[in-house]
Amino acid sequence: MFDITAETKKVREDMEKQGYVLTEEEYQIILEYTIRKSDRCGKGRDYVPLLLEDEIKNYYFRNTVTAISLINMAVA
């Protein structure tokens, strides 16, 4: 039987080892978004752990771009 909680927890632990550290609130938001996205794509819950890794990376990327944009606007 597929256990989404165990699988997503392992993904989070692996990503944190790579430096992608999230608060519990951030993680829950990303996880909920990932589940909705997987459902919309028709992939099912088995796809969530695979997609979660990319969504965590995307979250960091978006925050980095936003921070750089804010710095550039402040300097300009």
PDB file of N, CA and C in Angstrom:
ATOM      1  N   MET A   1       0.852  -1.193   0.000  1.00  0.00           N
ATOM      2  CA  MET A   1       0.000   0.000   0.000  1.00  0.00           C
ATOM      3  C   MET A   1       0.886   1.241   0.000  1.00  0.00           C
ATOM      4  N   PHE A   2       0.561   2.203  -0.813  1.00  0.00           N
ATOM      5  CA  PHE A   2       1.335   3.438  -0.937  1.00  0.00           C
ATOM      6  C   PHE A   2       0.994   4.368   0.215  1.00  0.00           C
ATOM      7  N   ASP A   3       2.016   4.826   0.928  1.00  0.00           N
ATOM      8  CA  ASP A   3       1.824   5.740   2.067  1.00  0.00           C
ATOM      9  C   ASP A   3       2.376   7.108   1.685  1.00  0.00           C
ATOM     10  N   ILE A   4       1.468   8.010   1.301  1.00  0.00           N
ATOM     11  CA  ILE A   4       1.886   9.336   0.833  1.00  0.00           C
ATOM     12  C   ILE A   4       2.622  10.107   1.925  1.00  0.00           C
ATOM     13  N   THR A   5       2.208   9.946   3.174  1.00  0.00           N
ATOM     14  CA  THR A   5       2.841  10.686   4.270  1.00  0.00           C
ATOM     15  C   THR A   5       4.297  10.275   4.431  1.00  0.00           C
ATOM     16  N   ALA A   6       4.565   8.988   4.429  1.00  0.00           N
ATOM     17  CA  ALA A   6       5.940   8.497   4.577  1.00  0.00           C
ATOM     18  C   ALA A   6       6.802   8.915   3.387  1.00  0.00           C
ATOM     19  N   GLU A   7       6.226   8.812   2.200  1.00  0.00           N
ATOM     20  CA  GLU A   7       6.979   9.157   0.992  1.00  0.00           C
ATOM     21  C   GLU A   7       7.299  10.655   0.929  1.00  0.00           C
ATOM     22  N   THR A   8       6.322  11.493   1.251  1.00  0.00           N
ATOM     23  CA  THR A   8       6.568  12.937   1.195  1.00  0.00           C
ATOM     24  C   THR A   8       7.508  13.370   2.315  1.00  0.00           C
ATOM     25  N   LYS A   9       7.435  12.703   3.454  1.00  0.00           N
ATOM     26  CA  LYS A   9       8.355  13.009   4.555  1.00  0.00           C
ATOM     27  C   LYS A   9       9.793  12.699   4.132  1.00  0.00           C
ATOM     28  N   LYS A  10       9.983  11.580   3.437  1.00  0.00           N
ATOM     29  CA  LYS A  10      11.320  11.212   2.957  1.00  0.00           C
ATOM     30  C   LYS A  10      11.828  12.246   1.955  1.00  0.00           C
ATOM     31  N   VAL A  11      10.945  12.710   1.064  1.00  0.00           N
ATOM     32  CA  VAL A  11      11.339  13.739   0.092  1.00  0.00           C
ATOM     33  C   VAL A  11      11.786  14.998   0.829  1.00  0.00           C
ATOM     34  N   ARG A  12      11.010  15.402   1.832  1.00  0.00           N
ATOM     35  CA  ARG A  12      11.368  16.607   2.589  1.00  0.00           C
ATOM     36  C   ARG A  12      12.725  16.436   3.273  1.00  0.00           C
ATOM     37  N   GLU A  13      12.955  15.301   3.884  1.00  0.00           N
ATOM     38  CA  GLU A  13      14.233  15.056   4.558  1.00  0.00           C
ATOM     39  C   GLU A  13      15.389  15.092   3.563  1.00  0.00           C
ATOM     40  N   ASP A  14      15.203  14.467   2.411  1.00  0.00           N
ATOM     41  CA  ASP A  14      16.253  14.469   1.381  1.00  0.00           C
ATOM     42  C   ASP A  14      16.537  15.883   0.875  1.00  0.00           C
ATOM     43  N   MET A  15      15.485  16.665   0.680  1.00  0.00           N
ATOM     44  CA  MET A  15      15.664  18.034   0.200  1.00  0.00           C
ATOM     45  C   MET A  15      16.342  18.906   1.261  1.00  0.00           C
ATOM     46  N   GLU A  16      16.012  18.694   2.521  1.00  0.00           N
ATOM     47  CA  GLU A  16      16.660  19.468   3.591  1.00  0.00           C
ATOM     48  C   GLU A  16      18.142  19.140   3.686  1.00  0.00           C
ATOM     49  N   LYS A  17      18.510  17.903   3.399  1.00  0.00           N
ATOM     50  CA  LYS A  17      19.932  17.528   3.374  1.00  0.00           C
ATOM     51  C   LYS A  17      20.668  18.271   2.263  1.00  0.00           C
ATOM     52  N   GLN A  18      19.934  18.643   1.207  1.00  0.00           N
ATOM     53  CA  GLN A  18      20.520  19.391   0.090  1.00  0.00           C
ATOM     54  C   GLN A  18      20.496  20.903   0.330  1.00  0.00           C
ATOM     55  N   GLY A  19      19.919  21.324   1.463  1.00  0.00           N
ATOM     56  CA  GLY A  19      19.917  22.746   1.792  1.00  0.00           C
ATOM     57  C   GLY A  19      18.584  23.438   1.603  1.00  0.00           C
ATOM     58  N   TYR A  20      17.577  22.731   1.159  1.00  0.00           N
ATOM     59  CA  TYR A  20      16.244  23.306   0.946  1.00  0.00           C
ATOM     60  C   TYR A  20      15.422  23.175   2.232  1.00  0.00           C
ATOM     61  N   VAL A  21      15.722  24.005   3.208  1.00  0.00           N
ATOM     62  CA  VAL A  21      15.069  23.933   4.506  1.00  0.00           C
ATOM     63  C   VAL A  21      13.791  24.775   4.491  1.00  0.00           C
ATOM     64  N   LEU A  22      12.701  24.197   4.977  1.00  0.00           N
ATOM     65  CA  LEU A  22      11.395  24.850   4.973  1.00  0.00           C
ATOM     66  C   LEU A  22      10.801  24.850   6.369  1.00  0.00           C
ATOM     67  N   THR A  23      10.035  25.884   6.655  1.00  0.00           N
ATOM     68  CA  THR A  23       9.252  25.856   7.890  1.00  0.00           C
ATOM     69  C   THR A  23       8.112  24.864   7.673  1.00  0.00           C
ATOM     70  N   GLU A  24       7.460  24.470   8.741  1.00  0.00           N
ATOM     71  CA  GLU A  24       6.327  23.551   8.620  1.00  0.00           C
ATOM     72  C   GLU A  24       5.212  24.179   7.793  1.00  0.00           C
ATOM     73  N   GLU A  25       4.980  25.471   7.987  1.00  0.00           N
ATOM     74  CA  GLU A  25       3.937  26.170   7.231  1.00  0.00           C
ATOM     75  C   GLU A  25       4.261  26.192   5.736  1.00  0.00           C
ATOM     76  N   GLU A  26       5.499  26.518   5.391  1.00  0.00           N
ATOM     77  CA  GLU A  26       5.899  26.529   3.983  1.00  0.00           C
ATOM     78  C   GLU A  26       5.734  25.142   3.369  1.00  0.00           C
ATOM     79  N   TYR A  27       6.188  24.139   4.110  1.00  0.00           N
ATOM     80  CA  TYR A  27       6.092  22.761   3.612  1.00  0.00           C
ATOM     81  C   TYR A  27       4.637  22.367   3.363  1.00  0.00           C
ATOM     82  N   GLN A  28       3.755  22.688   4.288  1.00  0.00           N
ATOM     83  CA  GLN A  28       2.345  22.323   4.134  1.00  0.00           C
ATOM     84  C   GLN A  28       1.720  23.018   2.928  1.00  0.00           C
ATOM     85  N   ILE A  29       2.061  24.273   2.725  1.00  0.00           N
ATOM     86  CA  ILE A  29       1.537  25.008   1.561  1.00  0.00           C
ATOM     87  C   ILE A  29       2.013  24.361   0.266  1.00  0.00           C
ATOM     88  N   ILE A  30       3.301  24.046   0.201  1.00  0.00           N
ATOM     89  CA  ILE A  30       3.864  23.415  -0.999  1.00  0.00           C
ATOM     90  C   ILE A  30       3.254  22.034  -1.211  1.00  0.00           C
ATOM     91  N   LEU A  31       3.095  21.264  -0.145  1.00  0.00           N
ATOM     92  CA  LEU A  31       2.528  19.917  -0.247  1.00  0.00           C
ATOM     93  C   LEU A  31       1.078  19.976  -0.737  1.00  0.00           C
ATOM     94  N   GLU A  32       0.283  20.867  -0.182  1.00  0.00           N
ATOM     95  CA  GLU A  32      -1.108  20.994  -0.617  1.00  0.00           C
ATOM     96  C   GLU A  32      -1.183  21.395  -2.094  1.00  0.00           C
ATOM     97  N   TYR A  33      -0.336  22.347  -2.489  1.00  0.00           N
ATOM     98  CA  TYR A  33      -0.292  22.762  -3.894  1.00  0.00           C
ATOM     99  C   TYR A  33       0.095  21.585  -4.792  1.00  0.00           C
ATOM    100  N   THR A  34       1.080  20.806  -4.354  1.00  0.00           N
ATOM    101  CA  THR A  34       1.558  19.660  -5.128  1.00  0.00           C
ATOM    102  C   THR A  34       0.464  18.616  -5.291  1.00  0.00           C
ATOM    103  N   ILE A  35      -0.285  18.358  -4.244  1.00  0.00           N
ATOM    104  CA  ILE A  35      -1.385  17.388  -4.311  1.00  0.00           C
ATOM    105  C   ILE A  35      -2.450  17.878  -5.290  1.00  0.00           C
ATOM    106  N   ARG A  36      -2.816  19.153  -5.202  1.00  0.00           N
ATOM    107  CA  ARG A  36      -3.816  19.706  -6.130  1.00  0.00           C
ATOM    108  C   ARG A  36      -3.321  19.625  -7.576  1.00  0.00           C
ATOM    109  N   LYS A  37      -2.050  19.956  -7.778  1.00  0.00           N
ATOM    110  CA  LYS A  37      -1.483  19.932  -9.124  1.00  0.00           C
ATOM    111  C   LYS A  37      -1.481  18.508  -9.681  1.00  0.00           C
ATOM    112  N   SER A  38      -1.106  17.557  -8.863  1.00  0.00           N
ATOM    113  CA  SER A  38      -1.094  16.156  -9.280  1.00  0.00           C
ATOM    114  C   SER A  38      -2.501  15.671  -9.630  1.00  0.00           C
ATOM    115  N   ASP A  39      -3.473  16.061  -8.825  1.00  0.00           N
ATOM    116  CA  ASP A  39      -4.860  15.677  -9.084  1.00  0.00           C
ATOM    117  C   ASP A  39      -5.356  16.286 -10.392  1.00  0.00           C
ATOM    118  N   ARG A  40      -5.045  17.575 -10.619  1.00  0.00           N
ATOM    119  CA  ARG A  40      -5.473  18.258 -11.850  1.00  0.00           C
ATOM    120  C   ARG A  40      -4.867  17.617 -13.092  1.00  0.00           C
ATOM    121  N   CYS A  41      -3.641  17.147 -12.970  1.00  0.00           N
ATOM    122  CA  CYS A  41      -2.963  16.530 -14.114  1.00  0.00           C
ATOM    123  C   CYS A  41      -3.429  15.096 -14.350  1.00  0.00           C
ATOM    124  N   GLY A  42      -4.190  14.561 -13.393  1.00  0.00           N
ATOM    125  CA  GLY A  42      -4.683  13.199 -13.535  1.00  0.00           C
ATOM    126  C   GLY A  42      -3.640  12.137 -13.249  1.00  0.00           C
ATOM    127  N   LYS A  43      -2.582  12.516 -12.549  1.00  0.00           N
ATOM    128  CA  LYS A  43      -1.489  11.588 -12.274  1.00  0.00           C
ATOM    129  C   LYS A  43      -1.748  10.713 -11.044  1.00  0.00           C
ATOM    130  N   GLY A  44      -2.605  11.160 -10.144  1.00  0.00           N
ATOM    131  CA  GLY A  44      -2.866  10.384  -8.936  1.00  0.00           C
ATOM    132  C   GLY A  44      -1.875  10.709  -7.834  1.00  0.00           C
ATOM    133  N   ARG A  45      -2.154  10.158  -6.680  1.00  0.00           N
ATOM    134  CA  ARG A  45      -1.345  10.466  -5.494  1.00  0.00           C
ATOM    135  C   ARG A  45       0.044   9.837  -5.534  1.00  0.00           C
ATOM    136  N   ASP A  46       0.236   8.791  -6.309  1.00  0.00           N
ATOM    137  CA  ASP A  46       1.569   8.182  -6.415  1.00  0.00           C
ATOM    138  C   ASP A  46       2.588   9.144  -7.015  1.00  0.00           C
ATOM    139  N   TYR A  47       2.111  10.118  -7.767  1.00  0.00           N
ATOM    140  CA  TYR A  47       2.981  11.078  -8.449  1.00  0.00           C
ATOM    141  C   TYR A  47       3.440  12.209  -7.523  1.00  0.00           C
ATOM    142  N   VAL A  48       2.754  12.388  -6.393  1.00  0.00           N
ATOM    143  CA  VAL A  48       3.028  13.516  -5.489  1.00  0.00           C
ATOM    144  C   VAL A  48       4.485  13.556  -5.016  1.00  0.00           C
ATOM    145  N   PRO A  49       5.061  12.454  -4.528  1.00  0.00           N
ATOM    146  CA  PRO A  49       6.467  12.544  -4.077  1.00  0.00           C
ATOM    147  C   PRO A  49       7.431  12.972  -5.182  1.00  0.00           C
ATOM    148  N   LEU A  50       7.191  12.526  -6.394  1.00  0.00           N
ATOM    149  CA  LEU A  50       8.058  12.926  -7.513  1.00  0.00           C
ATOM    150  C   LEU A  50       7.914  14.408  -7.815  1.00  0.00           C
ATOM    151  N   LEU A  51       6.690  14.880  -7.805  1.00  0.00           N
ATOM    152  CA  LEU A  51       6.418  16.281  -8.097  1.00  0.00           C
ATOM    153  C   LEU A  51       6.854  17.196  -6.954  1.00  0.00           C
ATOM    154  N   LEU A  52       6.770  16.700  -5.730  1.00  0.00           N
ATOM    155  CA  LEU A  52       7.098  17.510  -4.554  1.00  0.00           C
ATOM    156  C   LEU A  52       8.531  18.040  -4.599  1.00  0.00           C
ATOM    157  N   GLU A  53       9.454  17.220  -5.009  1.00  0.00           N
ATOM    158  CA  GLU A  53      10.859  17.658  -5.090  1.00  0.00           C
ATOM    159  C   GLU A  53      10.987  18.871  -6.010  1.00  0.00           C
ATOM    160  N   ASP A  54      10.354  18.811  -7.169  1.00  0.00           N
ATOM    161  CA  ASP A  54      10.413  19.936  -8.108  1.00  0.00           C
ATOM    162  C   ASP A  54       9.706  21.166  -7.558  1.00  0.00           C
ATOM    163  N   GLU A  55       8.600  20.968  -6.874  1.00  0.00           N
ATOM    164  CA  GLU A  55       7.859  22.108  -6.334  1.00  0.00           C
ATOM    165  C   GLU A  55       8.638  22.806  -5.213  1.00  0.00           C
ATOM    166  N   ILE A  56       9.402  22.056  -4.438  1.00  0.00           N
ATOM    167  CA  ILE A  56      10.249  22.673  -3.411  1.00  0.00           C
ATOM    168  C   ILE A  56      11.331  23.517  -4.086  1.00  0.00           C
ATOM    169  N   LYS A  57      11.946  22.985  -5.129  1.00  0.00           N
ATOM    170  CA  LYS A  57      12.958  23.741  -5.870  1.00  0.00           C
ATOM    171  C   LYS A  57      12.336  24.994  -6.495  1.00  0.00           C
ATOM    172  N   ASN A  58      11.140  24.848  -7.066  1.00  0.00           N
ATOM    173  CA  ASN A  58      10.449  25.994  -7.675  1.00  0.00           C
ATOM    174  C   ASN A  58      10.145  27.063  -6.637  1.00  0.00           C
ATOM    175  N   TYR A  59       9.760  26.656  -5.440  1.00  0.00           N
ATOM    176  CA  TYR A  59       9.465  27.595  -4.361  1.00  0.00           C
ATOM    177  C   TYR A  59      10.711  28.424  -4.038  1.00  0.00           C
ATOM    178  N   TYR A  60      11.850  27.763  -3.903  1.00  0.00           N
ATOM    179  CA  TYR A  60      13.102  28.480  -3.624  1.00  0.00           C
ATOM    180  C   TYR A  60      13.464  29.401  -4.779  1.00  0.00           C
ATOM    181  N   PHE A  61      13.304  28.939  -6.001  1.00  0.00           N
ATOM    182  CA  PHE A  61      13.633  29.749  -7.170  1.00  0.00           C
ATOM    183  C   PHE A  61      12.769  31.013  -7.214  1.00  0.00           C
ATOM    184  N   ARG A  62      11.443  30.849  -7.032  1.00  0.00           N
ATOM    185  CA  ARG A  62      10.548  32.004  -7.059  1.00  0.00           C
ATOM    186  C   ARG A  62      10.904  33.005  -5.967  1.00  0.00           C
ATOM    187  N   ASN A  63      11.214  32.520  -4.769  1.00  0.00           N
ATOM    188  CA  ASN A  63      11.581  33.425  -3.677  1.00  0.00           C
ATOM    189  C   ASN A  63      12.891  34.146  -3.963  1.00  0.00           C
ATOM    190  N   THR A  64      13.823  33.471  -4.581  1.00  0.00           N
ATOM    191  CA  THR A  64      15.101  34.091  -4.928  1.00  0.00           C
ATOM    192  C   THR A  64      14.900  35.186  -5.965  1.00  0.00           C
ATOM    193  N   VAL A  65      14.122  34.901  -6.995  1.00  0.00           N
ATOM    194  CA  VAL A  65      13.850  35.896  -8.036  1.00  0.00           C
ATOM    195  C   VAL A  65      13.145  37.108  -7.430  1.00  0.00           C
ATOM    196  N   THR A  66      12.185  36.867  -6.558  1.00  0.00           N
ATOM    197  CA  THR A  66      11.471  37.966  -5.905  1.00  0.00           C
ATOM    198  C   THR A  66      12.420  38.820  -5.077  1.00  0.00           C
ATOM    199  N   ALA A  67      13.303  38.174  -4.310  1.00  0.00           N
ATOM    200  CA  ALA A  67      14.250  38.915  -3.473  1.00  0.00           C
ATOM    201  C   ALA A  67      15.192  39.765  -4.330  1.00  0.00           C
ATOM    202  N   ILE A  68      15.694  39.199  -5.413  1.00  0.00           N
ATOM    203  CA  ILE A  68      16.587  39.949  -6.301  1.00  0.00           C
ATOM    204  C   ILE A  68      15.848  41.136  -6.926  1.00  0.00           C
ATOM    205  N   SER A  69      14.599  40.915  -7.324  1.00  0.00           N
ATOM    206  CA  SER A  69      13.805  42.003  -7.911  1.00  0.00           C
ATOM    207  C   SER A  69      13.591  43.128  -6.913  1.00  0.00           C
ATOM    208  N   LEU A  70      13.295  42.785  -5.666  1.00  0.00           N
ATOM    209  CA  LEU A  70      13.099  43.793  -4.645  1.00  0.00           C
ATOM    210  C   LEU A  70      14.384  44.586  -4.365  1.00  0.00           C
ATOM    211  N   ILE A  71      15.502  43.903  -4.364  1.00  0.00           N
ATOM    212  CA  ILE A  71      16.793  44.576  -4.166  1.00  0.00           C
ATOM    213  C   ILE A  71      17.065  45.533  -5.325  1.00  0.00           C
ATOM    214  N   ASN A  72      16.815  45.056  -6.545  1.00  0.00           N
ATOM    215  CA  ASN A  72      17.034  45.904  -7.718  1.00  0.00           C
ATOM    216  C   ASN A  72      16.132  47.134  -7.707  1.00  0.00           C
ATOM    217  N   MET A  73      14.896  46.980  -7.277  1.00  0.00           N
ATOM    218  CA  MET A  73      13.990  48.116  -7.210  1.00  0.00           C
ATOM    219  C   MET A  73      14.425  49.099  -6.126  1.00  0.00           C
ATOM    220  N   ALA A  74      14.974  48.603  -5.030  1.00  0.00           N
ATOM    221  CA  ALA A  74      15.410  49.463  -3.948  1.00  0.00           C
ATOM    222  C   ALA A  74      16.652  50.258  -4.330  1.00  0.00           C
ATOM    223  N   VAL A  75      17.508  49.649  -5.132  1.00  0.00           N
ATOM    224  CA  VAL A  75      18.760  50.289  -5.539  1.00  0.00           C
ATOM    225  C   VAL A  75      18.518  51.307  -6.653  1.00  0.00           C
ATOM    226  N   ALA A  76      17.573  51.031  -7.492  1.00  0.00           N
ATOM    227  CA  ALA A  76      17.325  51.890  -8.660  1.00  0.00           C
ATOM    228  C   ALA A  76      16.789  53.241  -8.297  1.00  0.00           C
TER     229      ALA A  76
END
